[in-house]
Amino acid sequence: MNKGYDVAIIGAGIVGLSTARELASRFPQLRVLVLEKEATVAAHQTGHNSGVIHSGVYYRPGSLKARFCVQGAAEMVRFCQAHGLPHEICGKLIVATEESQRPALDELQRRALANGVPGVRLLSAGEIRDYEPHAAGIAALLVPGTGITSFRQVAEKYAQLARDSGVQILTSSAVQQIRSANSEFVVETSSGPHAAKFLINCAGLHSDRIARLAGADRPLRIIPFRGEY
């Protein structure tokens, strides 16, 4: 059994890898292990999304989601710039196509301004076509700071930086059992057992299953679904 890890992180998606990178940066003395069941990192949700860098329009003002989204969007752009990762600040329009939708558009503008989303403003029907000739509506909310990137490539860069800082990332290591022994966790995986003092669950849509393996007694079940445009 591999011994001596201070922290084991389950899941090598963008959350698990960024957690590993941050731990290694803040606490370089820690031995950190990341366990991933697939053969590559970012093989699930991180590598299968629309790649939007959300600006923070939708979340309730004052909430952690709102604060983290605005701050995180700016940090993500800076990270992509610093490491030469593909990204584009393309902006977006949220379009109202009938009068009944205008109050919702007004509410989104209120939230955006309260959340500190930069550059947001309402467009008239005529102005919509100046930004997107193929869109039509009675009004639209312009969100110029919305961007896109490849989160798979972002995650791969996180993995590289984490490894450079001493983090061990083991792929093809599906978690099969978790038990406590001698004040540490022993994680049985398809690549063998691994022991750590602390365990962080970053398994995404499978995190409820991992929690149950670790003994969490909560009636929680994640029901995944695929979004469609």
C-alpha atoms as a PDB file:
ATOM      1  CA  MET A   1       0.000   0.000   0.000  1.00  0.00           C
ATOM      2  CA  ASN A   2       1.207   3.515  -0.821  1.00  0.00           C
ATOM      3  CA  LYS A   3       1.519   5.374   2.483  1.00  0.00           C
ATOM      4  CA  GLY A   4       2.388   8.826   3.634  1.00  0.00           C
ATOM      5  CA  TYR A   5      -0.058  11.089   1.756  1.00  0.00           C
ATOM      6  CA  ASP A   6      -1.448  13.997   3.682  1.00  0.00           C
ATOM      7  CA  VAL A   7      -4.367  14.593   1.312  1.00  0.00           C
ATOM      8  CA  ALA A   8      -6.036  12.356  -1.263  1.00  0.00           C
ATOM      9  CA  ILE A   9      -8.371  13.995  -3.767  1.00  0.00           C
ATOM     10  CA  ILE A  10     -10.868  11.840  -5.634  1.00  0.00           C
ATOM     11  CA  GLY A  11     -11.568  13.128  -9.131  1.00  0.00           C
ATOM     12  CA  ALA A  12      -9.263  14.732 -11.711  1.00  0.00           C
ATOM     13  CA  GLY A  13     -11.749  17.128 -13.220  1.00  0.00           C
ATOM     14  CA  ILE A  14     -11.237  20.868 -13.069  1.00  0.00           C
ATOM     15  CA  VAL A  15     -12.356  21.068  -9.419  1.00  0.00           C
ATOM     16  CA  GLY A  16     -10.119  18.265  -8.193  1.00  0.00           C
ATOM     17  CA  LEU A  17      -7.095  19.488 -10.149  1.00  0.00           C
ATOM     18  CA  SER A  18      -7.508  23.123  -9.116  1.00  0.00           C
ATOM     19  CA  THR A  19      -7.865  21.985  -5.501  1.00  0.00           C
ATOM     20  CA  ALA A  20      -4.660  19.972  -5.784  1.00  0.00           C
ATOM     21  CA  ARG A  21      -2.823  22.869  -7.391  1.00  0.00           C
ATOM     22  CA  GLU A  22      -3.982  25.308  -4.715  1.00  0.00           C
ATOM     23  CA  LEU A  23      -3.043  22.960  -1.869  1.00  0.00           C
ATOM     24  CA  ALA A  24       0.420  22.422  -3.326  1.00  0.00           C
ATOM     25  CA  SER A  25       0.849  26.183  -3.756  1.00  0.00           C
ATOM     26  CA  ARG A  26      -0.271  27.142  -0.260  1.00  0.00           C
ATOM     27  CA  PHE A  27       1.175  24.171   1.619  1.00  0.00           C
ATOM     28  CA  PRO A  28       4.210  22.866  -0.309  1.00  0.00           C
ATOM     29  CA  GLN A  29       5.107  20.528   2.541  1.00  0.00           C
ATOM     30  CA  LEU A  30       1.975  18.420   1.994  1.00  0.00           C
ATOM     31  CA  ARG A  31       2.029  15.178   0.038  1.00  0.00           C
ATOM     32  CA  VAL A  32      -1.014  15.353  -2.230  1.00  0.00           C
ATOM     33  CA  LEU A  33      -2.502  12.534  -4.310  1.00  0.00           C
ATOM     34  CA  VAL A  34      -5.209  12.815  -6.980  1.00  0.00           C
ATOM     35  CA  LEU A  35      -7.111   9.643  -7.939  1.00  0.00           C
ATOM     36  CA  GLU A  36      -8.952   9.458 -11.267  1.00  0.00           C
ATOM     37  CA  LYS A  37     -10.856   6.451 -12.543  1.00  0.00           C
ATOM     38  CA  GLU A  38     -10.478   7.314 -16.239  1.00  0.00           C
ATOM     39  CA  ALA A  39      -7.277   7.040 -18.275  1.00  0.00           C
ATOM     40  CA  THR A  40      -7.035  10.829 -18.681  1.00  0.00           C
ATOM     41  CA  VAL A  41      -7.898  13.922 -16.669  1.00  0.00           C
ATOM     42  CA  ALA A  42     -11.001  16.000 -17.493  1.00  0.00           C
ATOM     43  CA  ALA A  43     -12.727  12.986 -19.034  1.00  0.00           C
ATOM     44  CA  HIS A  44     -16.230  13.753 -17.756  1.00  0.00           C
ATOM     45  CA  GLN A  45     -18.075  17.057 -17.239  1.00  0.00           C
ATOM     46  CA  THR A  46     -14.931  19.194 -17.457  1.00  0.00           C
ATOM     47  CA  GLY A  47     -14.288  17.977 -20.983  1.00  0.00           C
ATOM     48  CA  HIS A  48     -17.931  17.890 -22.084  1.00  0.00           C
ATOM     49  CA  ASN A  49     -19.403  21.355 -21.722  1.00  0.00           C
ATOM     50  CA  SER A  50     -19.985  24.447 -23.828  1.00  0.00           C
ATOM     51  CA  GLY A  51     -16.843  26.161 -22.523  1.00  0.00           C
ATOM     52  CA  VAL A  52     -18.568  29.345 -21.361  1.00  0.00           C
ATOM     53  CA  ILE A  53     -16.792  31.656 -18.926  1.00  0.00           C
ATOM     54  CA  HIS A  54     -19.934  32.913 -17.191  1.00  0.00           C
ATOM     55  CA  SER A  55     -20.000  36.535 -16.124  1.00  0.00           C
ATOM     56  CA  GLY A  56     -22.308  36.418 -13.086  1.00  0.00           C
ATOM     57  CA  VAL A  57     -25.599  37.738 -14.487  1.00  0.00           C
ATOM     58  CA  TYR A  58     -27.991  35.146 -13.114  1.00  0.00           C
ATOM     59  CA  TYR A  59     -27.101  34.686  -9.452  1.00  0.00           C
ATOM     60  CA  ARG A  60     -28.772  36.369  -6.501  1.00  0.00           C
ATOM     61  CA  PRO A  61     -26.866  39.505  -5.467  1.00  0.00           C
ATOM     62  CA  GLY A  62     -24.883  38.986  -2.294  1.00  0.00           C
ATOM     63  CA  SER A  63     -24.704  35.216  -2.726  1.00  0.00           C
ATOM     64  CA  LEU A  64     -21.467  33.270  -2.817  1.00  0.00           C
ATOM     65  CA  LYS A  65     -22.336  32.079  -6.338  1.00  0.00           C
ATOM     66  CA  ALA A  66     -22.543  35.658  -7.537  1.00  0.00           C
ATOM     67  CA  ARG A  67     -19.284  36.719  -5.894  1.00  0.00           C
ATOM     68  CA  PHE A  68     -17.349  33.627  -6.976  1.00  0.00           C
ATOM     69  CA  CYS A  69     -18.671  33.782 -10.544  1.00  0.00           C
ATOM     70  CA  VAL A  70     -17.606  37.402 -11.111  1.00  0.00           C
ATOM     71  CA  GLN A  71     -14.251  36.907  -9.412  1.00  0.00           C
ATOM     72  CA  GLY A  72     -13.688  33.519 -11.043  1.00  0.00           C
ATOM     73  CA  ALA A  73     -14.438  34.789 -14.552  1.00  0.00           C
ATOM     74  CA  ALA A  74     -11.766  37.471 -14.244  1.00  0.00           C
ATOM     75  CA  GLU A  75      -9.281  35.008 -12.787  1.00  0.00           C
ATOM     76  CA  MET A  76      -9.974  32.464 -15.532  1.00  0.00           C
ATOM     77  CA  VAL A  77      -9.261  35.019 -18.260  1.00  0.00           C
ATOM     78  CA  ARG A  78      -6.014  36.017 -16.543  1.00  0.00           C
ATOM     79  CA  PHE A  79      -5.023  32.353 -16.211  1.00  0.00           C
ATOM     80  CA  CYS A  80      -5.651  31.678 -19.903  1.00  0.00           C
ATOM     81  CA  GLN A  81      -3.670  34.762 -20.864  1.00  0.00           C
ATOM     82  CA  ALA A  82      -0.767  33.850 -18.596  1.00  0.00           C
ATOM     83  CA  HIS A  83      -0.482  30.310 -19.967  1.00  0.00           C
ATOM     84  CA  GLY A  84      -1.349  30.870 -23.613  1.00  0.00           C
ATOM     85  CA  LEU A  85      -4.593  28.899 -23.474  1.00  0.00           C
ATOM     86  CA  PRO A  86      -7.251  29.462 -26.163  1.00  0.00           C
ATOM     87  CA  HIS A  87      -9.996  31.839 -25.067  1.00  0.00           C
ATOM     88  CA  GLU A  88     -12.157  34.616 -26.440  1.00  0.00           C
ATOM     89  CA  ILE A  89     -14.156  37.380 -24.792  1.00  0.00           C
ATOM     90  CA  CYS A  90     -17.000  37.201 -27.298  1.00  0.00           C
ATOM     91  CA  GLY A  91     -19.807  38.640 -25.171  1.00  0.00           C
ATOM     92  CA  LYS A  92     -23.406  37.482 -25.354  1.00  0.00           C
ATOM     93  CA  LEU A  93     -26.943  38.730 -25.804  1.00  0.00           C
ATOM     94  CA  ILE A  94     -29.875  37.630 -23.649  1.00  0.00           C
ATOM     95  CA  VAL A  95     -32.840  38.331 -25.903  1.00  0.00           C
ATOM     96  CA  ALA A  96     -36.482  38.987 -25.031  1.00  0.00           C
ATOM     97  CA  THR A  97     -38.678  38.004 -27.963  1.00  0.00           C
ATOM     98  CA  GLU A  98     -42.021  39.198 -26.506  1.00  0.00           C
ATOM     99  CA  GLU A  99     -43.234  41.782 -24.016  1.00  0.00           C
ATOM    100  CA  SER A 100     -43.968  39.211 -21.330  1.00  0.00           C
ATOM    101  CA  GLN A 101     -40.217  38.522 -21.097  1.00  0.00           C
ATOM    102  CA  ARG A 102     -39.169  42.125 -20.522  1.00  0.00           C
ATOM    103  CA  PRO A 103     -39.573  42.046 -16.699  1.00  0.00           C
ATOM    104  CA  ALA A 104     -37.235  39.040 -16.548  1.00  0.00           C
ATOM    105  CA  LEU A 105     -34.699  40.908 -18.671  1.00  0.00           C
ATOM    106  CA  ASP A 106     -34.954  43.918 -16.352  1.00  0.00           C
ATOM    107  CA  GLU A 107     -34.378  41.647 -13.358  1.00  0.00           C
ATOM    108  CA  LEU A 108     -31.273  40.156 -14.970  1.00  0.00           C
ATOM    109  CA  GLN A 109     -29.914  43.646 -15.562  1.00  0.00           C
ATOM    110  CA  ARG A 110     -30.575  44.533 -11.912  1.00  0.00           C
ATOM    111  CA  ARG A 111     -28.739  41.419 -10.749  1.00  0.00           C
ATOM    112  CA  ALA A 112     -25.844  42.008 -13.123  1.00  0.00           C
ATOM    113  CA  LEU A 113     -25.359  45.582 -11.912  1.00  0.00           C
ATOM    114  CA  ALA A 114     -25.643  44.522  -8.269  1.00  0.00           C
ATOM    115  CA  ASN A 115     -23.086  41.764  -8.845  1.00  0.00           C
ATOM    116  CA  GLY A 116     -20.607  44.139 -10.456  1.00  0.00           C
ATOM    117  CA  VAL A 117     -20.699  42.542 -13.899  1.00  0.00           C
ATOM    118  CA  PRO A 118     -18.909  45.086 -16.122  1.00  0.00           C
ATOM    119  CA  GLY A 119     -20.386  46.733 -19.209  1.00  0.00           C
ATOM    120  CA  VAL A 120     -23.910  45.304 -19.029  1.00  0.00           C
ATOM    121  CA  ARG A 121     -26.627  47.369 -20.723  1.00  0.00           C
ATOM    122  CA  LEU A 122     -30.036  47.011 -22.368  1.00  0.00           C
ATOM    123  CA  LEU A 123     -30.319  47.125 -26.160  1.00  0.00           C
ATOM    124  CA  SER A 124     -33.292  48.154 -28.242  1.00  0.00           C
ATOM    125  CA  ALA A 125     -34.683  45.949 -30.989  1.00  0.00           C
ATOM    126  CA  GLY A 126     -32.689  47.870 -33.586  1.00  0.00           C
ATOM    127  CA  GLU A 127     -29.441  47.636 -31.634  1.00  0.00           C
ATOM    128  CA  ILE A 128     -29.659  43.848 -31.381  1.00  0.00           C
ATOM    129  CA  ARG A 129     -28.780  43.418 -35.052  1.00  0.00           C
ATOM    130  CA  ASP A 130     -25.709  45.630 -34.655  1.00  0.00           C
ATOM    131  CA  TYR A 131     -24.243  42.922 -32.416  1.00  0.00           C
ATOM    132  CA  GLU A 132     -25.831  39.797 -33.902  1.00  0.00           C
ATOM    133  CA  PRO A 133     -27.483  40.066 -37.336  1.00  0.00           C
ATOM    134  CA  HIS A 134     -29.099  36.652 -36.962  1.00  0.00           C
ATOM    135  CA  ALA A 135     -30.899  37.519 -33.692  1.00  0.00           C
ATOM    136  CA  ALA A 136     -34.216  39.322 -33.381  1.00  0.00           C
ATOM    137  CA  GLY A 137     -36.277  40.470 -30.405  1.00  0.00           C
ATOM    138  CA  ILE A 138     -37.923  43.410 -28.711  1.00  0.00           C
ATOM    139  CA  ALA A 139     -34.935  44.024 -26.383  1.00  0.00           C
ATOM    140  CA  ALA A 140     -31.760  42.352 -25.247  1.00  0.00           C
ATOM    141  CA  LEU A 141     -29.248  42.472 -22.431  1.00  0.00           C
ATOM    142  CA  LEU A 142     -25.698  42.885 -23.662  1.00  0.00           C
ATOM    143  CA  VAL A 143     -23.114  41.104 -21.500  1.00  0.00           C
ATOM    144  CA  PRO A 144     -19.798  42.014 -23.142  1.00  0.00           C
ATOM    145  CA  GLY A 145     -17.580  40.197 -20.641  1.00  0.00           C
ATOM    146  CA  THR A 146     -18.855  36.674 -21.270  1.00  0.00           C
ATOM    147  CA  GLY A 147     -16.151  34.477 -22.777  1.00  0.00           C
ATOM    148  CA  ILE A 148     -15.328  30.980 -23.945  1.00  0.00           C
ATOM    149  CA  THR A 149     -12.379  28.672 -23.422  1.00  0.00           C
ATOM    150  CA  SER A 150     -11.435  25.005 -23.491  1.00  0.00           C
ATOM    151  CA  PHE A 151     -11.858  23.792 -19.925  1.00  0.00           C
ATOM    152  CA  ARG A 152     -10.233  20.514 -20.878  1.00  0.00           C
ATOM    153  CA  GLN A 153      -7.049  22.398 -21.750  1.00  0.00           C
ATOM    154  CA  VAL A 154      -7.378  24.501 -18.602  1.00  0.00           C
ATOM    155  CA  ALA A 155      -7.621  21.300 -16.545  1.00  0.00           C
ATOM    156  CA  GLU A 156      -4.628  19.786 -18.326  1.00  0.00           C
ATOM    157  CA  LYS A 157      -2.613  22.911 -17.471  1.00  0.00           C
ATOM    158  CA  TYR A 158      -3.775  22.620 -13.833  1.00  0.00           C
ATOM    159  CA  ALA A 159      -2.563  19.018 -13.850  1.00  0.00           C
ATOM    160  CA  GLN A 160       0.833  20.019 -15.232  1.00  0.00           C
ATOM    161  CA  LEU A 161       1.258  22.784 -12.648  1.00  0.00           C
ATOM    162  CA  ALA A 162       0.164  20.450  -9.849  1.00  0.00           C
ATOM    163  CA  ARG A 163       2.647  17.775 -10.918  1.00  0.00           C
ATOM    164  CA  ASP A 164       5.388  20.410 -11.127  1.00  0.00           C
ATOM    165  CA  SER A 165       4.599  21.230  -7.500  1.00  0.00           C
ATOM    166  CA  GLY A 166       4.952  17.599  -6.406  1.00  0.00           C
ATOM    167  CA  VAL A 167       1.337  16.396  -6.640  1.00  0.00           C
ATOM    168  CA  GLN A 168       0.951  12.786  -7.758  1.00  0.00           C
ATOM    169  CA  ILE A 169      -1.930  12.181 -10.178  1.00  0.00           C
ATOM    170  CA  LEU A 170      -2.925   8.562 -10.716  1.00  0.00           C
ATOM    171  CA  THR A 171      -5.287   7.822 -13.594  1.00  0.00           C
ATOM    172  CA  SER A 172      -7.033   4.471 -14.205  1.00  0.00           C
ATOM    173  CA  SER A 173      -7.557   4.343 -10.452  1.00  0.00           C
ATOM    174  CA  ALA A 174     -11.276   3.833  -9.844  1.00  0.00           C
ATOM    175  CA  VAL A 175     -12.271   4.027  -6.187  1.00  0.00           C
ATOM    176  CA  GLN A 176     -13.794   0.751  -5.026  1.00  0.00           C
ATOM    177  CA  GLN A 177     -13.858   1.062  -1.251  1.00  0.00           C
ATOM    178  CA  ILE A 178     -13.027   3.619   1.453  1.00  0.00           C
ATOM    179  CA  ARG A 179     -12.308   2.710   5.053  1.00  0.00           C
ATOM    180  CA  SER A 180     -10.862   4.396   8.120  1.00  0.00           C
ATOM    181  CA  ALA A 181      -7.873   2.911   9.900  1.00  0.00           C
ATOM    182  CA  ASN A 182      -5.397   4.376  12.386  1.00  0.00           C
ATOM    183  CA  SER A 183      -6.601   7.964  11.996  1.00  0.00           C
ATOM    184  CA  GLU A 184      -6.359   7.920   8.213  1.00  0.00           C
ATOM    185  CA  PHE A 185      -8.385   6.945   5.190  1.00  0.00           C
ATOM    186  CA  VAL A 186      -7.493   3.910   3.132  1.00  0.00           C
ATOM    187  CA  VAL A 187      -8.824   4.191  -0.401  1.00  0.00           C
ATOM    188  CA  GLU A 188      -8.992   0.895  -2.286  1.00  0.00           C
ATOM    189  CA  THR A 189      -8.710   1.514  -6.020  1.00  0.00           C
ATOM    190  CA  SER A 190      -8.225  -0.468  -9.202  1.00  0.00           C
ATOM    191  CA  SER A 191      -4.544   0.522  -9.043  1.00  0.00           C
ATOM    192  CA  GLY A 192      -4.152  -0.588  -5.440  1.00  0.00           C
ATOM    193  CA  PRO A 193      -4.731   0.872  -1.970  1.00  0.00           C
ATOM    194  CA  HIS A 194      -3.681   4.402  -1.010  1.00  0.00           C
ATOM    195  CA  ALA A 195      -3.689   5.942   2.465  1.00  0.00           C
ATOM    196  CA  ALA A 196      -4.077   9.600   3.423  1.00  0.00           C
ATOM    197  CA  LYS A 197      -4.857  11.666   6.509  1.00  0.00           C
ATOM    198  CA  PHE A 198      -7.499  13.726   4.731  1.00  0.00           C
ATOM    199  CA  LEU A 199      -9.848  12.887   1.877  1.00  0.00           C
ATOM    200  CA  ILE A 200     -11.435  15.427  -0.490  1.00  0.00           C
ATOM    201  CA  ASN A 201     -14.349  14.348  -2.656  1.00  0.00           C
ATOM    202  CA  CYS A 202     -14.226  16.070  -6.073  1.00  0.00           C
ATOM    203  CA  ALA A 203     -15.956  13.314  -8.012  1.00  0.00           C
ATOM    204  CA  GLY A 204     -18.511  15.544  -9.718  1.00  0.00           C
ATOM    205  CA  LEU A 205     -21.704  13.738 -10.687  1.00  0.00           C
ATOM    206  CA  HIS A 206     -20.379  10.657  -8.875  1.00  0.00           C
ATOM    207  CA  SER A 207     -19.637  12.481  -5.622  1.00  0.00           C
ATOM    208  CA  ASP A 208     -22.774  11.115  -3.948  1.00  0.00           C
ATOM    209  CA  ARG A 209     -21.523   7.556  -4.535  1.00  0.00           C
ATOM    210  CA  ILE A 210     -18.079   8.424  -3.201  1.00  0.00           C
ATOM    211  CA  ALA A 211     -19.668  10.022  -0.138  1.00  0.00           C
ATOM    212  CA  ARG A 212     -21.602   6.829   0.561  1.00  0.00           C
ATOM    213  CA  LEU A 213     -18.426   4.754   0.176  1.00  0.00           C
ATOM    214  CA  ALA A 214     -16.824   7.007   2.777  1.00  0.00           C
ATOM    215  CA  GLY A 215     -19.696   6.342   5.186  1.00  0.00           C
ATOM    216  CA  ALA A 216     -21.710   9.534   4.797  1.00  0.00           C
ATOM    217  CA  ASP A 217     -25.240   8.878   6.006  1.00  0.00           C
ATOM    218  CA  ARG A 218     -27.187  11.402   3.958  1.00  0.00           C
ATOM    219  CA  PRO A 219     -30.246  10.761   1.753  1.00  0.00           C
ATOM    220  CA  LEU A 220     -28.613  12.543  -1.162  1.00  0.00           C
ATOM    221  CA  ARG A 221     -28.648  11.354  -4.751  1.00  0.00           C
ATOM    222  CA  ILE A 222     -27.379  13.216  -7.798  1.00  0.00           C
ATOM    223  CA  ILE A 223     -29.598  12.912 -10.868  1.00  0.00           C
ATOM    224  CA  PRO A 224     -27.540  13.989 -13.901  1.00  0.00           C
ATOM    225  CA  PHE A 225     -29.065  15.208 -17.139  1.00  0.00           C
ATOM    226  CA  ARG A 226     -27.722  16.558 -20.398  1.00  0.00           C
ATOM    227  CA  GLY A 227     -28.474  20.160 -21.297  1.00  0.00           C
ATOM    228  CA  GLU A 228     -29.646  20.998 -24.794  1.00  0.00           C
ATOM    229  CA  TYR A 229     -29.486  24.308 -26.665  1.00  0.00           C
END
